[in-house]
Amino acid sequence: MTAMLDYRWHLREVMAARGMFSTTDLKPLLAERGIELSASQTYRLVAERPERLSLKVLMALLDILGCRMDELIEPVPAAGSIRRRRAAGDRSTAAAGDGGVGEFRPKRARIVPE
């Protein structure tokens, strides 16, 4: 079975690490690089995960923030692929979205009637 991939968008975190806390900080910097976005488009770019992204916009963001592409976009397994793998009975690998943190996993509660 081929692994299905998804991604996490870290633009807000990368901006914050560089002292940019408002989406309006980004709009003029993009305009300097020839990218004209409305205030709402800029907000959505920062606050939401983009489904489509122009390579020119991506390159402008990398230039503005002085970062690498892997700092903005983190590949992760798709949620659907985790469910399929578990449904097939392969529980040998812990899934990222199973409620645990790192090596720690929650223990099942046992309710015993009195």
PDB file of N, CA and C in Angstrom:
ATOM      1  N   MET A   1       0.853  -1.173   0.000  1.00  0.00           N
ATOM      2  CA  MET A   1       0.000   0.000   0.000  1.00  0.00           C
ATOM      3  C   MET A   1       0.906   1.245   0.000  1.00  0.00           C
ATOM      4  N   THR A   2       0.609   2.203  -0.853  1.00  0.00           N
ATOM      5  CA  THR A   2       1.356   3.449  -0.866  1.00  0.00           C
ATOM      6  C   THR A   2       0.903   4.346   0.267  1.00  0.00           C
ATOM      7  N   ALA A   3       1.862   5.026   0.856  1.00  0.00           N
ATOM      8  CA  ALA A   3       1.550   5.928   1.974  1.00  0.00           C
ATOM      9  C   ALA A   3       0.880   7.180   1.430  1.00  0.00           C
ATOM     10  N   MET A   4      -0.227   7.559   2.057  1.00  0.00           N
ATOM     11  CA  MET A   4      -0.900   8.795   1.686  1.00  0.00           C
ATOM     12  C   MET A   4      -0.348   9.896   2.572  1.00  0.00           C
ATOM     13  N   LEU A   5      -0.035  11.031   1.974  1.00  0.00           N
ATOM     14  CA  LEU A   5       0.555  12.126   2.720  1.00  0.00           C
ATOM     15  C   LEU A   5      -0.376  13.316   2.809  1.00  0.00           C
ATOM     16  N   ASP A   6      -0.222  14.053   3.866  1.00  0.00           N
ATOM     17  CA  ASP A   6      -0.907  15.307   4.084  1.00  0.00           C
ATOM     18  C   ASP A   6       0.180  16.291   4.521  1.00  0.00           C
ATOM     19  N   TYR A   7      -0.194  17.458   4.976  1.00  0.00           N
ATOM     20  CA  TYR A   7       0.823  18.407   5.424  1.00  0.00           C
ATOM     21  C   TYR A   7       0.280  19.317   6.509  1.00  0.00           C
ATOM     22  N   ARG A   8       1.204  19.874   7.275  1.00  0.00           N
ATOM     23  CA  ARG A   8       0.882  20.907   8.257  1.00  0.00           C
ATOM     24  C   ARG A   8       1.514  22.200   7.776  1.00  0.00           C
ATOM     25  N   TRP A   9       0.780  23.282   7.926  1.00  0.00           N
ATOM     26  CA  TRP A   9       1.191  24.608   7.466  1.00  0.00           C
ATOM     27  C   TRP A   9       1.630  25.412   8.682  1.00  0.00           C
ATOM     28  N   HIS A  10       2.880  25.849   8.714  1.00  0.00           N
ATOM     29  CA  HIS A  10       3.453  26.504   9.891  1.00  0.00           C
ATOM     30  C   HIS A  10       3.755  27.990   9.677  1.00  0.00           C
ATOM     31  N   LEU A  11       3.046  28.648   8.771  1.00  0.00           N
ATOM     32  CA  LEU A  11       3.354  30.046   8.480  1.00  0.00           C
ATOM     33  C   LEU A  11       3.199  30.923   9.716  1.00  0.00           C
ATOM     34  N   ARG A  12       2.115  30.770  10.456  1.00  0.00           N
ATOM     35  CA  ARG A  12       1.893  31.608  11.634  1.00  0.00           C
ATOM     36  C   ARG A  12       3.028  31.444  12.646  1.00  0.00           C
ATOM     37  N   GLU A  13       3.458  30.202  12.902  1.00  0.00           N
ATOM     38  CA  GLU A  13       4.526  29.949  13.860  1.00  0.00           C
ATOM     39  C   GLU A  13       5.860  30.541  13.395  1.00  0.00           C
ATOM     40  N   VAL A  14       6.162  30.394  12.109  1.00  0.00           N
ATOM     41  CA  VAL A  14       7.416  30.925  11.569  1.00  0.00           C
ATOM     42  C   VAL A  14       7.405  32.449  11.636  1.00  0.00           C
ATOM     43  N   MET A  15       6.259  33.054  11.309  1.00  0.00           N
ATOM     44  CA  MET A  15       6.148  34.514  11.423  1.00  0.00           C
ATOM     45  C   MET A  15       6.381  34.960  12.868  1.00  0.00           C
ATOM     46  N   ALA A  16       5.745  34.283  13.818  1.00  0.00           N
ATOM     47  CA  ALA A  16       5.873  34.655  15.233  1.00  0.00           C
ATOM     48  C   ALA A  16       7.309  34.524  15.712  1.00  0.00           C
ATOM     49  N   ALA A  17       8.003  33.497  15.263  1.00  0.00           N
ATOM     50  CA  ALA A  17       9.398  33.305  15.652  1.00  0.00           C
ATOM     51  C   ALA A  17      10.291  34.439  15.142  1.00  0.00           C
ATOM     52  N   ARG A  18       9.809  35.143  14.122  1.00  0.00           N
ATOM     53  CA  ARG A  18      10.575  36.256  13.552  1.00  0.00           C
ATOM     54  C   ARG A  18       9.978  37.614  13.937  1.00  0.00           C
ATOM     55  N   GLY A  19       9.110  37.607  14.939  1.00  0.00           N
ATOM     56  CA  GLY A  19       8.559  38.855  15.465  1.00  0.00           C
ATOM     57  C   GLY A  19       7.417  39.449  14.671  1.00  0.00           C
ATOM     58  N   MET A  20       6.820  38.677  13.776  1.00  0.00           N
ATOM     59  CA  MET A  20       5.677  39.152  12.988  1.00  0.00           C
ATOM     60  C   MET A  20       4.417  38.516  13.558  1.00  0.00           C
ATOM     61  N   PHE A  21       3.592  39.311  14.242  1.00  0.00           N
ATOM     62  CA  PHE A  21       2.431  38.754  14.931  1.00  0.00           C
ATOM     63  C   PHE A  21       1.108  39.138  14.274  1.00  0.00           C
ATOM     64  N   SER A  22       1.139  39.941  13.238  1.00  0.00           N
ATOM     65  CA  SER A  22      -0.082  40.377  12.581  1.00  0.00           C
ATOM     66  C   SER A  22      -0.016  40.019  11.102  1.00  0.00           C
ATOM     67  N   THR A  23      -1.156  39.595  10.567  1.00  0.00           N
ATOM     68  CA  THR A  23      -1.184  39.271   9.139  1.00  0.00           C
ATOM     69  C   THR A  23      -0.952  40.515   8.285  1.00  0.00           C
ATOM     70  N   THR A  24      -1.263  41.692   8.841  1.00  0.00           N
ATOM     71  CA  THR A  24      -1.045  42.930   8.072  1.00  0.00           C
ATOM     72  C   THR A  24       0.442  43.239   7.906  1.00  0.00           C
ATOM     73  N   ASP A  25       1.303  42.655   8.732  1.00  0.00           N
ATOM     74  CA  ASP A  25       2.751  42.834   8.564  1.00  0.00           C
ATOM     75  C   ASP A  25       3.233  42.204   7.262  1.00  0.00           C
ATOM     76  N   LEU A  26       2.549  41.173   6.822  1.00  0.00           N
ATOM     77  CA  LEU A  26       2.985  40.404   5.663  1.00  0.00           C
ATOM     78  C   LEU A  26       2.593  41.042   4.332  1.00  0.00           C
ATOM     79  N   LYS A  27       1.456  41.707   4.289  1.00  0.00           N
ATOM     80  CA  LYS A  27       0.911  42.245   3.030  1.00  0.00           C
ATOM     81  C   LYS A  27       1.881  43.189   2.302  1.00  0.00           C
ATOM     82  N   PRO A  28       2.459  44.214   2.958  1.00  0.00           N
ATOM     83  CA  PRO A  28       3.385  45.091   2.223  1.00  0.00           C
ATOM     84  C   PRO A  28       4.675  44.389   1.795  1.00  0.00           C
ATOM     85  N   LEU A  29       5.109  43.410   2.583  1.00  0.00           N
ATOM     86  CA  LEU A  29       6.328  42.677   2.223  1.00  0.00           C
ATOM     87  C   LEU A  29       6.101  41.812   0.989  1.00  0.00           C
ATOM     88  N   LEU A  30       4.912  41.251   0.882  1.00  0.00           N
ATOM     89  CA  LEU A  30       4.569  40.501  -0.325  1.00  0.00           C
ATOM     90  C   LEU A  30       4.466  41.447  -1.521  1.00  0.00           C
ATOM     91  N   ALA A  31       3.870  42.629  -1.310  1.00  0.00           N
ATOM     92  CA  ALA A  31       3.714  43.608  -2.397  1.00  0.00           C
ATOM     93  C   ALA A  31       5.072  44.058  -2.927  1.00  0.00           C
ATOM     94  N   GLU A  32       6.063  44.187  -2.046  1.00  0.00           N
ATOM     95  CA  GLU A  32       7.422  44.555  -2.479  1.00  0.00           C
ATOM     96  C   GLU A  32       7.989  43.521  -3.446  1.00  0.00           C
ATOM     97  N   ARG A  33       7.513  42.311  -3.357  1.00  0.00           N
ATOM     98  CA  ARG A  33       8.003  41.221  -4.204  1.00  0.00           C
ATOM     99  C   ARG A  33       7.047  40.912  -5.352  1.00  0.00           C
ATOM    100  N   GLY A  34       6.108  41.823  -5.609  1.00  0.00           N
ATOM    101  CA  GLY A  34       5.205  41.672  -6.746  1.00  0.00           C
ATOM    102  C   GLY A  34       4.002  40.794  -6.497  1.00  0.00           C
ATOM    103  N   ILE A  35       3.720  40.461  -5.240  1.00  0.00           N
ATOM    104  CA  ILE A  35       2.567  39.625  -4.903  1.00  0.00           C
ATOM    105  C   ILE A  35       1.497  40.524  -4.295  1.00  0.00           C
ATOM    106  N   GLU A  36       0.415  40.727  -5.016  1.00  0.00           N
ATOM    107  CA  GLU A  36      -0.679  41.577  -4.549  1.00  0.00           C
ATOM    108  C   GLU A  36      -1.816  40.702  -4.038  1.00  0.00           C
ATOM    109  N   LEU A  37      -1.997  40.666  -2.729  1.00  0.00           N
ATOM    110  CA  LEU A  37      -3.092  39.922  -2.120  1.00  0.00           C
ATOM    111  C   LEU A  37      -3.958  40.892  -1.337  1.00  0.00           C
ATOM    112  N   SER A  38      -5.256  40.607  -1.288  1.00  0.00           N
ATOM    113  CA  SER A  38      -6.152  41.423  -0.465  1.00  0.00           C
ATOM    114  C   SER A  38      -5.888  41.110   1.011  1.00  0.00           C
ATOM    115  N   ALA A  39      -6.432  41.935   1.891  1.00  0.00           N
ATOM    116  CA  ALA A  39      -6.264  41.705   3.331  1.00  0.00           C
ATOM    117  C   ALA A  39      -6.851  40.351   3.726  1.00  0.00           C
ATOM    118  N   SER A  40      -8.007  39.995   3.152  1.00  0.00           N
ATOM    119  CA  SER A  40      -8.616  38.710   3.510  1.00  0.00           C
ATOM    120  C   SER A  40      -7.811  37.534   2.950  1.00  0.00           C
ATOM    121  N   GLN A  41      -7.252  37.679   1.757  1.00  0.00           N
ATOM    122  CA  GLN A  41      -6.410  36.617   1.202  1.00  0.00           C
ATOM    123  C   GLN A  41      -5.156  36.433   2.057  1.00  0.00           C
ATOM    124  N   THR A  42      -4.558  37.529   2.496  1.00  0.00           N
ATOM    125  CA  THR A  42      -3.372  37.449   3.344  1.00  0.00           C
ATOM    126  C   THR A  42      -3.714  36.783   4.671  1.00  0.00           C
ATOM    127  N   TYR A  43      -4.857  37.158   5.251  1.00  0.00           N
ATOM    128  CA  TYR A  43      -5.292  36.550   6.506  1.00  0.00           C
ATOM    129  C   TYR A  43      -5.468  35.037   6.341  1.00  0.00           C
ATOM    130  N   ARG A  44      -6.160  34.627   5.274  1.00  0.00           N
ATOM    131  CA  ARG A  44      -6.389  33.194   5.042  1.00  0.00           C
ATOM    132  C   ARG A  44      -5.079  32.451   4.813  1.00  0.00           C
ATOM    133  N   LEU A  45      -4.131  33.080   4.139  1.00  0.00           N
ATOM    134  CA  LEU A  45      -2.827  32.466   3.899  1.00  0.00           C
ATOM    135  C   LEU A  45      -2.124  32.153   5.225  1.00  0.00           C
ATOM    136  N   VAL A  46      -2.258  33.061   6.192  1.00  0.00           N
ATOM    137  CA  VAL A  46      -1.592  32.895   7.487  1.00  0.00           C
ATOM    138  C   VAL A  46      -2.407  32.006   8.425  1.00  0.00           C
ATOM    139  N   ALA A  47      -3.695  32.237   8.508  1.00  0.00           N
ATOM    140  CA  ALA A  47      -4.524  31.595   9.532  1.00  0.00           C
ATOM    141  C   ALA A  47      -5.043  30.218   9.138  1.00  0.00           C
ATOM    142  N   GLU A  48      -5.125  29.926   7.852  1.00  0.00           N
ATOM    143  CA  GLU A  48      -5.676  28.654   7.403  1.00  0.00           C
ATOM    144  C   GLU A  48      -4.641  27.888   6.603  1.00  0.00           C
ATOM    145  N   ARG A  49      -4.886  26.629   6.433  1.00  0.00           N
ATOM    146  CA  ARG A  49      -3.996  25.780   5.638  1.00  0.00           C
ATOM    147  C   ARG A  49      -4.375  25.915   4.168  1.00  0.00           C
ATOM    148  N   PRO A  50      -3.482  26.430   3.325  1.00  0.00           N
ATOM    149  CA  PRO A  50      -3.844  26.619   1.914  1.00  0.00           C
ATOM    150  C   PRO A  50      -3.945  25.284   1.173  1.00  0.00           C
ATOM    151  N   GLU A  51      -4.957  25.177   0.324  1.00  0.00           N
ATOM    152  CA  GLU A  51      -5.108  23.993  -0.517  1.00  0.00           C
ATOM    153  C   GLU A  51      -4.317  24.159  -1.824  1.00  0.00           C
ATOM    154  N   ARG A  52      -4.256  25.398  -2.294  1.00  0.00           N
ATOM    155  CA  ARG A  52      -3.480  25.723  -3.496  1.00  0.00           C
ATOM    156  C   ARG A  52      -2.586  26.898  -3.147  1.00  0.00           C
ATOM    157  N   LEU A  53      -1.339  26.850  -3.603  1.00  0.00           N
ATOM    158  CA  LEU A  53      -0.390  27.915  -3.306  1.00  0.00           C
ATOM    159  C   LEU A  53       0.518  28.111  -4.504  1.00  0.00           C
ATOM    160  N   SER A  54       0.560  29.327  -5.001  1.00  0.00           N
ATOM    161  CA  SER A  54       1.433  29.655  -6.120  1.00  0.00           C
ATOM    162  C   SER A  54       2.894  29.528  -5.687  1.00  0.00           C
ATOM    163  N   LEU A  55       3.723  29.029  -6.577  1.00  0.00           N
ATOM    164  CA  LEU A  55       5.150  28.935  -6.265  1.00  0.00           C
ATOM    165  C   LEU A  55       5.773  30.312  -6.067  1.00  0.00           C
ATOM    166  N   LYS A  56       5.236  31.324  -6.760  1.00  0.00           N
ATOM    167  CA  LYS A  56       5.745  32.689  -6.565  1.00  0.00           C
ATOM    168  C   LYS A  56       5.453  33.172  -5.147  1.00  0.00           C
ATOM    169  N   VAL A  57       4.258  32.873  -4.634  1.00  0.00           N
ATOM    170  CA  VAL A  57       3.909  33.251  -3.261  1.00  0.00           C
ATOM    171  C   VAL A  57       4.799  32.491  -2.281  1.00  0.00           C
ATOM    172  N   LEU A  58       4.982  31.194  -2.512  1.00  0.00           N
ATOM    173  CA  LEU A  58       5.835  30.393  -1.636  1.00  0.00           C
ATOM    174  C   LEU A  58       7.264  30.943  -1.612  1.00  0.00           C
ATOM    175  N   MET A  59       7.806  31.251  -2.779  1.00  0.00           N
ATOM    176  CA  MET A  59       9.179  31.780  -2.835  1.00  0.00           C
ATOM    177  C   MET A  59       9.274  33.140  -2.151  1.00  0.00           C
ATOM    178  N   ALA A  60       8.238  33.968  -2.295  1.00  0.00           N
ATOM    179  CA  ALA A  60       8.224  35.268  -1.613  1.00  0.00           C
ATOM    180  C   ALA A  60       8.207  35.075  -0.101  1.00  0.00           C
ATOM    181  N   LEU A  61       7.403  34.126   0.396  1.00  0.00           N
ATOM    182  CA  LEU A  61       7.351  33.849   1.841  1.00  0.00           C
ATOM    183  C   LEU A  61       8.697  33.367   2.355  1.00  0.00           C
ATOM    184  N   LEU A  62       9.348  32.484   1.605  1.00  0.00           N
ATOM    185  CA  LEU A  62      10.666  31.993   2.012  1.00  0.00           C
ATOM    186  C   LEU A  62      11.677  33.130   2.078  1.00  0.00           C
ATOM    187  N   ASP A  63      11.603  34.046   1.125  1.00  0.00           N
ATOM    188  CA  ASP A  63      12.508  35.200   1.102  1.00  0.00           C
ATOM    189  C   ASP A  63      12.217  36.154   2.260  1.00  0.00           C
ATOM    190  N   ILE A  64      10.955  36.473   2.474  1.00  0.00           N
ATOM    191  CA  ILE A  64      10.554  37.401   3.541  1.00  0.00           C
ATOM    192  C   ILE A  64      10.977  36.866   4.907  1.00  0.00           C
ATOM    193  N   LEU A  65      10.730  35.590   5.135  1.00  0.00           N
ATOM    194  CA  LEU A  65      10.961  35.003   6.451  1.00  0.00           C
ATOM    195  C   LEU A  65      12.365  34.434   6.627  1.00  0.00           C
ATOM    196  N   GLY A  66      13.117  34.364   5.531  1.00  0.00           N
ATOM    197  CA  GLY A  66      14.472  33.820   5.621  1.00  0.00           C
ATOM    198  C   GLY A  66      14.463  32.386   6.129  1.00  0.00           C
ATOM    199  N   CYS A  67      13.554  31.583   5.593  1.00  0.00           N
ATOM    200  CA  CYS A  67      13.433  30.208   6.077  1.00  0.00           C
ATOM    201  C   CYS A  67      13.470  29.237   4.906  1.00  0.00           C
ATOM    202  N   ARG A  68      13.456  27.955   5.246  1.00  0.00           N
ATOM    203  CA  ARG A  68      13.423  26.896   4.242  1.00  0.00           C
ATOM    204  C   ARG A  68      11.989  26.389   4.085  1.00  0.00           C
ATOM    205  N   MET A  69      11.742  25.719   2.991  1.00  0.00           N
ATOM    206  CA  MET A  69      10.407  25.211   2.711  1.00  0.00           C
ATOM    207  C   MET A  69       9.952  24.215   3.789  1.00  0.00           C
ATOM    208  N   ASP A  70      10.874  23.393   4.303  1.00  0.00           N
ATOM    209  CA  ASP A  70      10.465  22.403   5.303  1.00  0.00           C
ATOM    210  C   ASP A  70      10.118  23.032   6.650  1.00  0.00           C
ATOM    211  N   GLU A  71      10.437  24.315   6.842  1.00  0.00           N
ATOM    212  CA  GLU A  71      10.003  25.007   8.050  1.00  0.00           C
ATOM    213  C   GLU A  71       8.536  25.461   7.921  1.00  0.00           C
ATOM    214  N   LEU A  72       8.096  25.715   6.692  1.00  0.00           N
ATOM    215  CA  LEU A  72       6.721  26.146   6.447  1.00  0.00           C
ATOM    216  C   LEU A  72       5.770  24.977   6.237  1.00  0.00           C
ATOM    217  N   ILE A  73       6.236  23.951   5.547  1.00  0.00           N
ATOM    218  CA  ILE A  73       5.383  22.832   5.165  1.00  0.00           C
ATOM    219  C   ILE A  73       5.973  21.552   5.744  1.00  0.00           C
ATOM    220  N   GLU A  74       5.209  20.899   6.615  1.00  0.00           N
ATOM    221  CA  GLU A  74       5.657  19.650   7.243  1.00  0.00           C
ATOM    222  C   GLU A  74       4.822  18.496   6.699  1.00  0.00           C
ATOM    223  N   PRO A  75       5.438  17.561   5.974  1.00  0.00           N
ATOM    224  CA  PRO A  75       4.673  16.409   5.489  1.00  0.00           C
ATOM    225  C   PRO A  75       4.312  15.484   6.651  1.00  0.00           C
ATOM    226  N   VAL A  76       3.068  15.007   6.660  1.00  0.00           N
ATOM    227  CA  VAL A  76       2.585  14.087   7.695  1.00  0.00           C
ATOM    228  C   VAL A  76       1.725  13.019   7.023  1.00  0.00           C
ATOM    229  N   PRO A  77       1.583  11.854   7.653  1.00  0.00           N
ATOM    230  CA  PRO A  77       0.684  10.835   7.088  1.00  0.00           C
ATOM    231  C   PRO A  77      -0.753  11.345   7.090  1.00  0.00           C
ATOM    232  N   ALA A  78      -1.489  11.026   6.062  1.00  0.00           N
ATOM    233  CA  ALA A  78      -2.895  11.431   5.978  1.00  0.00           C
ATOM    234  C   ALA A  78      -3.699  10.679   7.022  1.00  0.00           C
ATOM    235  N   ALA A  79      -4.694  11.330   7.592  1.00  0.00           N
ATOM    236  CA  ALA A  79      -5.521  10.721   8.637  1.00  0.00           C
ATOM    237  C   ALA A  79      -6.221   9.471   8.123  1.00  0.00           C
ATOM    238  N   GLY A  80      -6.677   9.482   6.908  1.00  0.00           N
ATOM    239  CA  GLY A  80      -7.365   8.322   6.342  1.00  0.00           C
ATOM    240  C   GLY A  80      -6.468   7.108   6.214  1.00  0.00           C
ATOM    241  N   SER A  81      -5.189   7.314   5.933  1.00  0.00           N
ATOM    242  CA  SER A  81      -4.283   6.180   5.776  1.00  0.00           C
ATOM    243  C   SER A  81      -4.022   5.501   7.108  1.00  0.00           C
ATOM    244  N   ILE A  82      -4.072   6.254   8.198  1.00  0.00           N
ATOM    245  CA  ILE A  82      -3.879   5.661   9.527  1.00  0.00           C
ATOM    246  C   ILE A  82      -5.056   4.750   9.842  1.00  0.00           C
ATOM    247  N   ARG A  83      -6.259   5.207   9.558  1.00  0.00           N
ATOM    248  CA  ARG A  83      -7.444   4.396   9.837  1.00  0.00           C
ATOM    249  C   ARG A  83      -7.430   3.106   9.023  1.00  0.00           C
ATOM    250  N   ARG A  84      -7.064   3.193   7.754  1.00  0.00           N
ATOM    251  CA  ARG A  84      -7.039   1.995   6.920  1.00  0.00           C
ATOM    252  C   ARG A  84      -6.030   0.987   7.453  1.00  0.00           C
ATOM    253  N   ARG A  85      -4.868   1.456   7.850  1.00  0.00           N
ATOM    254  CA  ARG A  85      -3.845   0.563   8.342  1.00  0.00           C
ATOM    255  C   ARG A  85      -4.332  -0.143   9.608  1.00  0.00           C
ATOM    256  N   ARG A  86      -4.985   0.587  10.486  1.00  0.00           N
ATOM    257  CA  ARG A  86      -5.488  -0.010  11.718  1.00  0.00           C
ATOM    258  C   ARG A  86      -6.634  -0.967  11.417  1.00  0.00           C
ATOM    259  N   ALA A  87      -7.489  -0.619  10.468  1.00  0.00           N
ATOM    260  CA  ALA A  87      -8.609  -1.487  10.129  1.00  0.00           C
ATOM    261  C   ALA A  87      -8.107  -2.811   9.571  1.00  0.00           C
ATOM    262  N   ALA A  88      -6.941  -2.796   8.934  1.00  0.00           N
ATOM    263  CA  ALA A  88      -6.368  -4.010   8.372  1.00  0.00           C
ATOM    264  C   ALA A  88      -5.711  -4.866   9.447  1.00  0.00           C
ATOM    265  N   GLY A  89      -5.631  -4.336  10.678  1.00  0.00           N
ATOM    266  CA  GLY A  89      -5.111  -5.134  11.773  1.00  0.00           C
ATOM    267  C   GLY A  89      -3.652  -4.888  12.104  1.00  0.00           C
ATOM    268  N   ASP A  90      -2.995  -4.000  11.410  1.00  0.00           N
ATOM    269  CA  ASP A  90      -1.585  -3.715  11.694  1.00  0.00           C
ATOM    270  C   ASP A  90      -1.496  -2.695  12.813  1.00  0.00           C
ATOM    271  N   ARG A  91      -1.291  -3.162  14.027  1.00  0.00           N
ATOM    272  CA  ARG A  91      -1.184  -2.267  15.172  1.00  0.00           C
ATOM    273  C   ARG A  91       0.257  -2.210  15.686  1.00  0.00           C
ATOM    274  N   SER A  92       1.195  -2.650  14.876  1.00  0.00           N
ATOM    275  CA  SER A  92       2.583  -2.700  15.338  1.00  0.00           C
ATOM    276  C   SER A  92       3.218  -1.322  15.426  1.00  0.00           C
ATOM    277  N   THR A  93       2.753  -0.368  14.637  1.00  0.00           N
ATOM    278  CA  THR A  93       3.308   0.979  14.713  1.00  0.00           C
ATOM    279  C   THR A  93       2.286   1.901  15.319  1.00  0.00           C
ATOM    280  N   ALA A  94       2.729   2.711  16.263  1.00  0.00           N
ATOM    281  CA  ALA A  94       1.820   3.663  16.914  1.00  0.00           C
ATOM    282  C   ALA A  94       1.541   4.804  15.963  1.00  0.00           C
ATOM    283  N   ALA A  95       0.301   5.141  15.796  1.00  0.00           N
ATOM    284  CA  ALA A  95      -0.095   6.233  14.906  1.00  0.00           C
ATOM    285  C   ALA A  95       0.082   7.561  15.610  1.00  0.00           C
ATOM    286  N   ALA A  96       0.380   8.612  14.850  1.00  0.00           N
ATOM    287  CA  ALA A  96       0.607   9.931  15.428  1.00  0.00           C
ATOM    288  C   ALA A  96      -0.640  10.498  16.074  1.00  0.00           C
ATOM    289  N   GLY A  97      -1.820  10.157  15.575  1.00  0.00           N
ATOM    290  CA  GLY A  97      -3.037  10.753  16.089  1.00  0.00           C
ATOM    291  C   GLY A  97      -3.797   9.864  17.067  1.00  0.00           C
ATOM    292  N   ASP A  98      -3.107   8.982  17.813  1.00  0.00           N
ATOM    293  CA  ASP A  98      -3.818   8.062  18.693  1.00  0.00           C
ATOM    294  C   ASP A  98      -4.010   8.589  20.105  1.00  0.00           C
ATOM    295  N   GLY A  99      -3.787   9.858  20.350  1.00  0.00           N
ATOM    296  CA  GLY A  99      -4.026  10.434  21.661  1.00  0.00           C
ATOM    297  C   GLY A  99      -2.831  10.401  22.575  1.00  0.00           C
ATOM    298  N   GLY A 100      -1.747   9.811  22.159  1.00  0.00           N
ATOM    299  CA  GLY A 100      -0.555   9.746  22.990  1.00  0.00           C
ATOM    300  C   GLY A 100       0.388  10.901  22.710  1.00  0.00           C
ATOM    301  N   VAL A 101       1.368  11.004  23.567  1.00  0.00           N
ATOM    302  CA  VAL A 101       2.405  12.018  23.388  1.00  0.00           C
ATOM    303  C   VAL A 101       3.739  11.295  23.381  1.00  0.00           C
ATOM    304  N   GLY A 102       4.398  11.282  22.213  1.00  0.00           N
ATOM    305  CA  GLY A 102       5.677  10.594  22.110  1.00  0.00           C
ATOM    306  C   GLY A 102       5.514   9.116  22.411  1.00  0.00           C
ATOM    307  N   GLU A 103       6.295   8.628  23.354  1.00  0.00           N
ATOM    308  CA  GLU A 103       6.251   7.227  23.750  1.00  0.00           C
ATOM    309  C   GLU A 103       5.103   6.928  24.714  1.00  0.00           C
ATOM    310  N   PHE A 104       4.492   7.955  25.278  1.00  0.00           N
ATOM    311  CA  PHE A 104       3.458   7.777  26.288  1.00  0.00           C
ATOM    312  C   PHE A 104       2.092   7.583  25.641  1.00  0.00           C
ATOM    313  N   ARG A 105       1.346   6.608  26.117  1.00  0.00           N
ATOM    314  CA  ARG A 105       0.020   6.312  25.603  1.00  0.00           C
ATOM    315  C   ARG A 105      -0.956   6.254  26.777  1.00  0.00           C
ATOM    316  N   PRO A 106      -2.193   6.675  26.575  1.00  0.00           N
ATOM    317  CA  PRO A 106      -3.169   6.594  27.667  1.00  0.00           C
ATOM    318  C   PRO A 106      -3.506   5.137  27.976  1.00  0.00           C
ATOM    319  N   LYS A 107      -3.838   4.878  29.232  1.00  0.00           N
ATOM    320  CA  LYS A 107      -4.243   3.532  29.636  1.00  0.00           C
ATOM    321  C   LYS A 107      -5.765   3.463  29.634  1.00  0.00           C
ATOM    322  N   ARG A 108      -6.281   2.343  29.203  1.00  0.00           N
ATOM    323  CA  ARG A 108      -7.728   2.145  29.147  1.00  0.00           C
ATOM    324  C   ARG A 108      -8.276   2.059  30.571  1.00  0.00           C
ATOM    325  N   ALA A 109      -9.351   2.811  30.825  1.00  0.00           N
ATOM    326  CA  ALA A 109      -9.997   2.783  32.139  1.00  0.00           C
ATOM    327  C   ALA A 109     -10.884   1.553  32.235  1.00  0.00           C
ATOM    328  N   ARG A 110     -10.888   0.942  33.399  1.00  0.00           N
ATOM    329  CA  ARG A 110     -11.773  -0.212  33.638  1.00  0.00           C
ATOM    330  C   ARG A 110     -12.814   0.209  34.659  1.00  0.00           C
ATOM    331  N   ILE A 111     -14.065   0.105  34.287  1.00  0.00           N
ATOM    332  CA  ILE A 111     -15.156   0.472  35.185  1.00  0.00           C
ATOM    333  C   ILE A 111     -15.733  -0.824  35.750  1.00  0.00           C
ATOM    334  N   VAL A 112     -15.654  -0.942  37.056  1.00  0.00           N
ATOM    335  CA  VAL A 112     -16.116  -2.148  37.733  1.00  0.00           C
ATOM    336  C   VAL A 112     -17.354  -1.793  38.536  1.00  0.00           C
ATOM    337  N   PRO A 113     -18.480  -2.459  38.291  1.00  0.00           N
ATOM    338  CA  PRO A 113     -19.692  -2.139  39.061  1.00  0.00           C
ATOM    339  C   PRO A 113     -19.520  -2.551  40.526  1.00  0.00           C
ATOM    340  N   GLU A 114     -20.151  -1.794  41.403  1.00  0.00           N
ATOM    341  CA  GLU A 114     -20.046  -2.086  42.829  1.00  0.00           C
ATOM    342  C   GLU A 114     -20.989  -3.177  43.240  1.00  0.00           C
TER     343      GLU A 114
END
